């Protein structure tokens, strides 16, 4: 994720793991200006509950602002 954010000049990225109900975690890259938010989904949930969990995840990522906002370009 860090490489993708760096190459695309994104300030923020999201990682989604299939590992249950772990709390979201924010990683901030020192001197990089990049935030990586870590999320987890429990794929053992029944389909309706899994869909609700995905919808909640989408809402939370939208709530963190413009994830596609790019960092300022490096000077030539």
N, C-alpha and C. Protein backbone atom coordinates (compact mmCIF):
# COMPACT_ATOMS: atom_id res chain seq x y z
N UNK A 1 0.83 -1.18 0.00
CA UNK A 1 0.00 0.00 0.00
C UNK A 1 0.88 1.25 0.00
N UNK A 2 1.95 1.22 0.77
CA UNK A 2 2.84 2.38 0.83
C UNK A 2 3.43 2.66 -0.55
N UNK A 3 3.85 1.62 -1.25
CA UNK A 3 4.40 1.82 -2.59
C UNK A 3 3.36 2.41 -3.54
N UNK A 4 2.13 1.89 -3.48
CA UNK A 4 1.06 2.42 -4.34
C UNK A 4 0.79 3.88 -4.03
N UNK A 5 0.68 4.22 -2.75
CA UNK A 5 0.42 5.61 -2.37
C UNK A 5 1.56 6.52 -2.81
N UNK A 6 2.78 6.03 -2.66
CA UNK A 6 3.95 6.83 -3.04
C UNK A 6 3.97 7.09 -4.55
N UNK A 7 3.82 6.03 -5.33
CA UNK A 7 3.87 6.16 -6.79
C UNK A 7 2.73 7.02 -7.32
N UNK A 8 1.54 6.86 -6.75
CA UNK A 8 0.38 7.60 -7.22
C UNK A 8 0.21 8.95 -6.53
N UNK A 9 1.13 9.25 -5.61
CA UNK A 9 1.11 10.51 -4.84
C UNK A 9 -0.18 10.68 -4.05
N UNK A 10 -0.68 9.57 -3.48
CA UNK A 10 -1.85 9.63 -2.62
C UNK A 10 -1.40 9.90 -1.19
N UNK A 11 -2.15 10.69 -0.47
CA UNK A 11 -1.85 10.99 0.93
C UNK A 11 -2.36 9.90 1.86
N UNK A 12 -3.28 9.08 1.38
CA UNK A 12 -3.98 8.14 2.25
C UNK A 12 -4.31 6.86 1.49
N UNK A 13 -4.19 5.73 2.19
CA UNK A 13 -4.56 4.45 1.61
C UNK A 13 -5.25 3.58 2.64
N UNK A 14 -5.93 2.54 2.20
CA UNK A 14 -6.66 1.65 3.10
C UNK A 14 -6.27 0.20 2.79
N UNK A 15 -5.96 -0.55 3.84
CA UNK A 15 -5.71 -1.98 3.74
C UNK A 15 -6.87 -2.71 4.39
N UNK A 16 -7.39 -3.72 3.74
CA UNK A 16 -8.48 -4.51 4.31
C UNK A 16 -8.01 -5.95 4.43
N UNK A 17 -8.01 -6.45 5.65
CA UNK A 17 -7.60 -7.82 5.93
C UNK A 17 -8.81 -8.68 6.24
N UNK A 18 -8.73 -9.95 5.88
CA UNK A 18 -9.79 -10.92 6.19
C UNK A 18 -9.39 -11.66 7.46
N UNK A 19 -9.46 -10.96 8.60
CA UNK A 19 -8.98 -11.59 9.83
C UNK A 19 -9.89 -11.34 11.02
N UNK A 20 -11.15 -11.17 10.80
CA UNK A 20 -12.05 -11.05 11.93
C UNK A 20 -12.41 -9.64 12.31
N UNK A 21 -12.56 -9.41 13.61
CA UNK A 21 -13.11 -8.15 14.07
C UNK A 21 -12.08 -7.24 14.74
N UNK A 22 -10.84 -7.26 14.28
CA UNK A 22 -9.81 -6.38 14.85
C UNK A 22 -10.20 -4.92 14.64
N UNK A 23 -9.84 -4.10 15.60
CA UNK A 23 -10.14 -2.68 15.52
C UNK A 23 -9.33 -2.02 14.39
N UNK A 24 -9.89 -1.02 13.73
CA UNK A 24 -9.12 -0.29 12.72
C UNK A 24 -7.88 0.34 13.36
N UNK A 25 -6.84 0.48 12.58
CA UNK A 25 -5.58 1.02 13.09
C UNK A 25 -5.01 1.97 12.05
N UNK A 26 -4.44 3.05 12.51
CA UNK A 26 -3.86 4.05 11.62
C UNK A 26 -2.34 3.98 11.70
N UNK A 27 -1.70 3.78 10.55
CA UNK A 27 -0.24 3.83 10.45
C UNK A 27 0.11 5.15 9.78
N UNK A 28 1.00 5.91 10.37
CA UNK A 28 1.45 7.15 9.76
C UNK A 28 2.93 6.99 9.40
N UNK A 29 3.24 7.19 8.13
CA UNK A 29 4.61 7.04 7.65
C UNK A 29 5.38 8.31 7.99
N UNK A 30 6.38 8.15 8.83
CA UNK A 30 7.19 9.31 9.22
C UNK A 30 7.88 9.93 8.02
N UNK A 31 7.86 11.22 7.98
CA UNK A 31 8.48 12.02 6.92
C UNK A 31 7.94 11.70 5.54
N UNK A 32 6.90 10.89 5.46
CA UNK A 32 6.34 10.54 4.17
C UNK A 32 5.02 11.24 3.88
N UNK A 33 4.37 11.69 4.95
CA UNK A 33 3.10 12.37 4.77
C UNK A 33 1.98 11.45 4.30
N UNK A 34 2.13 10.15 4.52
CA UNK A 34 1.13 9.18 4.05
C UNK A 34 0.51 8.48 5.26
N UNK A 35 -0.81 8.36 5.25
CA UNK A 35 -1.54 7.62 6.27
C UNK A 35 -2.08 6.35 5.64
N UNK A 36 -1.89 5.24 6.34
CA UNK A 36 -2.44 3.96 5.89
C UNK A 36 -3.37 3.46 6.98
N UNK A 37 -4.64 3.34 6.65
CA UNK A 37 -5.63 2.86 7.61
C UNK A 37 -5.83 1.36 7.38
N UNK A 38 -5.74 0.62 8.46
CA UNK A 38 -5.88 -0.83 8.43
C UNK A 38 -7.26 -1.21 8.94
N UNK A 39 -7.95 -2.08 8.20
CA UNK A 39 -9.28 -2.54 8.55
C UNK A 39 -9.30 -4.07 8.48
N UNK A 40 -10.26 -4.68 9.13
CA UNK A 40 -10.41 -6.14 9.07
C UNK A 40 -11.87 -6.50 8.84
N UNK A 41 -12.07 -7.53 8.05
CA UNK A 41 -13.41 -8.07 7.81
C UNK A 41 -13.42 -9.54 8.23
N UNK A 42 -14.49 -9.95 8.87
CA UNK A 42 -14.65 -11.35 9.27
C UNK A 42 -15.43 -12.07 8.17
N UNK A 43 -14.71 -12.84 7.37
CA UNK A 43 -15.35 -13.52 6.23
C UNK A 43 -16.16 -14.74 6.65
N UNK A 44 -16.17 -15.05 7.94
CA UNK A 44 -16.99 -16.17 8.40
C UNK A 44 -18.42 -15.72 8.74
N UNK A 45 -18.69 -14.43 8.66
CA UNK A 45 -20.04 -13.93 8.94
C UNK A 45 -21.03 -14.42 7.90
N UNK A 46 -22.29 -14.56 8.27
CA UNK A 46 -23.31 -14.88 7.28
C UNK A 46 -23.35 -13.76 6.22
N UNK A 47 -23.76 -14.08 5.00
CA UNK A 47 -23.72 -13.11 3.91
C UNK A 47 -24.34 -11.74 4.23
N UNK A 48 -25.50 -11.72 4.85
CA UNK A 48 -26.15 -10.43 5.14
C UNK A 48 -25.31 -9.60 6.12
N UNK A 49 -24.73 -10.26 7.13
CA UNK A 49 -23.90 -9.55 8.10
C UNK A 49 -22.59 -9.09 7.47
N UNK A 50 -22.03 -9.91 6.59
CA UNK A 50 -20.80 -9.53 5.89
C UNK A 50 -21.05 -8.31 5.01
N UNK A 51 -22.16 -8.30 4.31
CA UNK A 51 -22.51 -7.16 3.48
C UNK A 51 -22.67 -5.90 4.33
N UNK A 52 -23.30 -6.03 5.48
CA UNK A 52 -23.45 -4.89 6.38
C UNK A 52 -22.08 -4.41 6.87
N UNK A 53 -21.17 -5.34 7.15
CA UNK A 53 -19.82 -4.97 7.59
C UNK A 53 -19.06 -4.24 6.47
N UNK A 54 -19.23 -4.69 5.23
CA UNK A 54 -18.59 -4.03 4.09
C UNK A 54 -19.16 -2.62 3.92
N UNK A 55 -20.47 -2.48 4.04
CA UNK A 55 -21.09 -1.16 3.92
C UNK A 55 -20.58 -0.22 5.02
N UNK A 56 -20.44 -0.74 6.23
CA UNK A 56 -19.91 0.07 7.34
C UNK A 56 -18.46 0.49 7.05
N UNK A 57 -17.67 -0.42 6.50
CA UNK A 57 -16.29 -0.11 6.15
C UNK A 57 -16.23 0.98 5.08
N UNK A 58 -17.06 0.87 4.06
CA UNK A 58 -17.11 1.89 3.01
C UNK A 58 -17.48 3.24 3.59
N UNK A 59 -18.48 3.27 4.45
CA UNK A 59 -18.90 4.53 5.07
C UNK A 59 -17.76 5.14 5.89
N UNK A 60 -17.01 4.29 6.60
CA UNK A 60 -15.92 4.81 7.42
C UNK A 60 -14.78 5.35 6.55
N UNK A 61 -14.51 4.72 5.40
CA UNK A 61 -13.45 5.23 4.53
C UNK A 61 -13.86 6.53 3.87
N UNK A 62 -15.12 6.65 3.52
CA UNK A 62 -15.61 7.90 2.94
C UNK A 62 -15.52 9.01 3.98
N UNK A 63 -15.76 8.66 5.23
CA UNK A 63 -15.71 9.63 6.30
C UNK A 63 -14.32 10.17 6.58
N UNK A 64 -13.29 9.54 6.03
CA UNK A 64 -11.93 10.01 6.27
C UNK A 64 -11.45 10.96 5.17
N UNK A 65 -12.35 11.56 4.45
CA UNK A 65 -11.97 12.59 3.49
C UNK A 65 -11.65 12.03 2.12
N UNK A 66 -11.06 12.88 1.33
CA UNK A 66 -10.75 12.54 -0.07
C UNK A 66 -9.51 11.67 -0.12
N UNK A 67 -9.71 10.34 -0.10
CA UNK A 67 -8.58 9.42 -0.13
C UNK A 67 -7.81 9.51 -1.43
N UNK A 68 -8.44 10.03 -2.46
CA UNK A 68 -7.76 10.15 -3.74
C UNK A 68 -6.99 11.46 -3.87
N UNK A 69 -7.05 12.29 -2.82
CA UNK A 69 -6.32 13.57 -2.87
C UNK A 69 -4.84 13.27 -3.03
N UNK A 70 -4.23 13.97 -3.96
CA UNK A 70 -2.81 13.73 -4.22
C UNK A 70 -1.95 14.71 -3.45
N UNK A 71 -0.77 14.25 -3.13
CA UNK A 71 0.21 15.09 -2.46
C UNK A 71 0.80 16.05 -3.50
N UNK A 72 1.35 17.17 -3.05
CA UNK A 72 1.97 18.09 -4.00
C UNK A 72 3.10 17.40 -4.76
N UNK A 73 3.24 17.73 -6.02
CA UNK A 73 4.28 17.13 -6.86
C UNK A 73 5.65 17.65 -6.44
N UNK A 74 6.66 16.79 -6.62
CA UNK A 74 8.03 17.22 -6.35
C UNK A 74 8.47 18.23 -7.40
N UNK A 75 9.27 19.21 -6.99
CA UNK A 75 9.76 20.17 -7.99
C UNK A 75 10.67 19.47 -8.99
N UNK A 76 10.74 19.98 -10.22
CA UNK A 76 11.58 19.32 -11.24
C UNK A 76 13.05 19.36 -10.90
